[in-house]
Protein backbone atom coordinates (compact mmCIF):
# COMPACT_ATOMS: atom_id res chain seq x y z
CA MET A 1 -24.00 -2.28 1.90
CA PRO A 2 -21.49 -2.15 -0.39
CA ASN A 3 -20.70 -4.00 -3.38
CA TRP A 4 -18.94 -7.00 -2.86
CA LEU A 5 -16.97 -7.38 -6.44
CA GLN A 6 -16.26 -3.47 -6.41
CA GLU A 7 -14.88 -3.55 -3.01
CA PHE A 8 -13.15 -6.68 -3.92
CA GLU A 9 -11.42 -4.60 -6.71
CA HIS A 10 -10.53 -2.15 -4.48
CA LEU A 11 -8.53 -4.46 -2.41
CA ILE A 12 -6.71 -6.05 -5.40
CA GLN A 13 -5.81 -2.08 -6.46
CA ALA A 14 -5.17 -1.32 -2.82
CA ASP A 15 -2.43 -4.07 -2.90
CA ARG A 16 -1.07 -3.43 -6.00
CA LEU A 17 -0.33 0.25 -4.90
CA LEU A 18 0.74 -0.89 -1.23
CA ALA A 19 3.51 -3.14 -2.83
CA ASP A 20 4.53 -0.40 -5.23
CA TRP A 21 4.92 1.86 -2.13
CA GLN A 22 6.86 -0.81 -0.32
CA ARG A 23 9.21 -1.18 -3.16
CA ARG A 24 9.35 2.76 -3.29
CA VAL A 25 10.66 3.17 0.48
CA ALA A 26 13.00 0.40 0.15
CA ASP A 27 14.50 2.35 -2.95
CA GLN A 28 14.50 5.27 -0.77
CA ILE A 29 16.54 3.69 1.69
CA VAL A 30 18.94 2.18 -0.05
CA CYS A 31 19.19 5.40 -1.93
CA ILE A 32 19.88 7.10 1.54
CA GLU A 33 22.83 4.61 2.55
CA GLU A 34 24.37 5.57 -0.56
CA MET A 35 24.21 9.17 0.01
CA THR A 36 25.61 8.79 3.31
CA ALA A 37 28.33 6.51 1.98
CA LYS A 38 29.18 9.20 -0.37
CA GLY A 39 29.12 11.87 2.07
CA TYR A 40 26.17 13.73 0.97
CA ASP A 41 23.55 15.64 3.09
CA THR A 42 20.64 13.58 3.27
CA ASP A 43 18.34 15.98 5.25
CA LEU A 44 16.21 16.30 1.89
CA ALA A 45 16.21 12.13 1.10
CA GLU A 46 15.19 11.55 4.75
CA ASP A 47 12.02 14.06 4.68
CA LEU A 48 11.07 12.61 1.48
CA LEU A 49 11.64 9.09 2.85
CA ARG A 50 9.26 10.00 6.25
CA THR A 51 6.41 11.28 3.52
CA MET A 52 6.83 8.06 1.87
CA GLU A 53 6.50 5.86 5.13
CA TYR A 54 3.40 8.15 5.92
CA THR A 55 1.85 7.69 2.42
CA LEU A 56 2.35 3.66 3.08
CA GLU A 57 0.86 3.91 6.45
CA VAL A 58 -2.21 5.63 5.25
CA GLY A 59 -2.64 3.34 2.27
CA GLN A 60 -2.39 0.18 4.88
CA ARG A 61 -5.12 1.88 6.66
CA HIS A 62 -7.27 2.39 3.50
CA ARG A 63 -6.70 -1.21 2.72
CA GLN A 64 -8.14 -2.80 6.22
CA LEU A 65 -11.10 -0.36 5.78
CA ILE A 66 -11.55 -2.09 2.48
CA VAL A 67 -11.53 -5.02 4.41
CA GLU A 68 -13.67 -4.17 6.97
CA ALA A 69 -16.17 -3.14 3.84
CA LEU A 70 -15.88 -6.54 2.43
CA SER A 71 -16.90 -7.98 5.70
CA ARG A 72 -20.13 -6.05 5.66
CA CYS A 73 -21.14 -6.97 2.34
CA ASP A 74 -24.59 -8.53 1.69
CA GLU A 75 -23.78 -10.24 -0.92
CA ALA A 76 -21.77 -13.28 -1.04
CA PRO A 77 -18.46 -13.76 -2.82
CA PRO A 78 -18.82 -15.81 -6.12
CA ALA A 79 -18.49 -19.54 -5.83
CA PRO A 80 -15.52 -20.92 -7.01
CA SER A 81 -16.53 -22.93 -10.66
CA SER A 82 -15.70 -26.71 -10.83
CA HIS A 83 -13.88 -27.73 -13.87
């Protein structure tokens, strides 16, 4: 069975990476829009965007696998401490 803490740490890391990739995709879209407005060829930029979107999609599927692994953990998450 997966270790709960390890999987939770993986989930946190996946969320950070996904947020970063979402920002990168958004930045690339803006870049393409600016290039288009200036009349530049955007073929390579659009190819890169498709690759970035695919990477984001794979990351989202990986995150789902982590969530599923967490649901199978045999140990319970730590109880919140009372202050």
